[in-house]
Amino acid sequence: MAIILRLDRVMADRKISLKELSEKVGVANVNLSKIKTGKISAIRFSTLDAICDVLDCQPGDILEFQRDDRSSEQEQNEA
């Protein structure tokens, strides 16, 4: 997947636990854990908004685009 989740880093920088974030965001601990470990395929904007509000960060602090090798190879073949 080309989108990398960095929630764990932002949480560590803010020194906030998963339990505390879960309580403040209003999302189940297990769901935040899946986001933290990158084991999701989608995230609601309302959830992302709440996480960013609590952590005082931007979505780009949590989400990172990383071009995968397949995309790079396709672009080179098309050129």
Protein backbone atom coordinates (compact mmCIF):
# COMPACT_ATOMS: atom_id res chain seq x y z
CA MET A 1 0.00 0.00 0.00
CA ALA A 2 1.27 3.45 -0.86
CA ILE A 3 -0.23 5.20 2.18
CA ILE A 4 1.75 4.76 5.40
CA LEU A 5 0.14 5.50 8.76
CA ARG A 6 2.29 7.34 11.29
CA LEU A 7 -0.17 7.57 14.18
CA ASP A 8 2.23 5.71 16.46
CA ARG A 9 4.93 8.35 15.94
CA VAL A 10 2.59 11.26 16.56
CA MET A 11 1.26 9.59 19.70
CA ALA A 12 4.80 9.00 20.96
CA ASP A 13 5.73 12.63 20.27
CA ARG A 14 2.66 13.79 22.23
CA LYS A 15 3.21 11.18 24.96
CA ILE A 16 -0.38 9.96 24.79
CA SER A 17 -1.51 6.37 25.29
CA LEU A 18 -3.88 4.49 23.04
CA LYS A 19 -6.40 4.32 25.89
CA GLU A 20 -6.26 8.06 26.50
CA LEU A 21 -6.54 8.86 22.78
CA SER A 22 -9.46 6.46 22.47
CA GLU A 23 -11.32 8.17 25.31
CA LYS A 24 -10.69 11.68 23.95
CA VAL A 25 -11.50 10.83 20.32
CA GLY A 26 -14.53 8.67 21.14
CA VAL A 27 -13.39 5.75 19.01
CA ALA A 28 -13.04 2.20 20.29
CA ASN A 29 -9.57 1.25 21.47
CA VAL A 30 -9.45 -1.71 19.06
CA ASN A 31 -10.22 0.54 16.07
CA LEU A 32 -7.51 3.03 16.99
CA SER A 33 -5.12 0.14 17.47
CA LYS A 34 -5.81 -0.98 13.88
CA ILE A 35 -5.12 2.54 12.65
CA LYS A 36 -1.95 2.71 14.71
CA THR A 37 -0.64 -0.56 13.30
CA GLY A 38 -1.73 0.22 9.74
CA LYS A 39 -4.14 -2.71 9.53
CA ILE A 40 -6.94 -0.70 7.91
CA SER A 41 -7.89 0.06 4.34
CA ALA A 42 -9.94 3.20 5.03
CA ILE A 43 -10.48 5.87 7.66
CA ARG A 44 -13.46 8.17 8.09
CA PHE A 45 -12.74 11.86 7.76
CA SER A 46 -14.64 12.44 11.00
CA THR A 47 -12.26 10.04 12.79
CA LEU A 48 -9.21 11.65 11.22
CA ASP A 49 -10.57 15.08 12.17
CA ALA A 50 -11.06 14.02 15.80
CA ILE A 51 -7.60 12.45 16.00
CA CYS A 52 -5.96 15.57 14.57
CA ASP A 53 -7.93 17.77 16.97
CA VAL A 54 -6.88 15.78 20.04
CA LEU A 55 -3.24 15.42 18.93
CA ASP A 56 -3.05 19.01 17.63
CA CYS A 57 -1.61 17.88 14.31
CA GLN A 58 -2.30 17.91 10.59
CA PRO A 59 -3.53 14.88 8.59
CA GLY A 60 -0.15 14.89 6.82
CA ASP A 61 1.50 14.20 10.17
CA ILE A 62 -0.43 10.93 10.37
CA LEU A 63 -0.67 9.93 6.70
CA GLU A 64 2.34 9.61 4.42
CA PHE A 65 2.36 8.77 0.71
CA GLN A 66 5.15 6.47 -0.34
CA ARG A 67 5.37 5.53 -4.00
CA ASP A 68 5.54 1.78 -4.34
CA ASP A 69 7.85 0.03 -6.79
CA ARG A 70 5.01 -1.03 -9.10
CA SER A 71 3.92 2.58 -9.70
CA SER A 72 7.49 3.64 -10.42
CA GLU A 73 8.00 0.77 -12.89
CA GLN A 74 4.76 1.56 -14.71
CA GLU A 75 5.69 5.22 -15.08
CA GLN A 76 9.12 4.33 -16.44
CA ASN A 77 7.61 1.86 -18.93
CA GLU A 78 5.12 4.47 -20.13
CA ALA A 79 7.83 7.10 -20.72
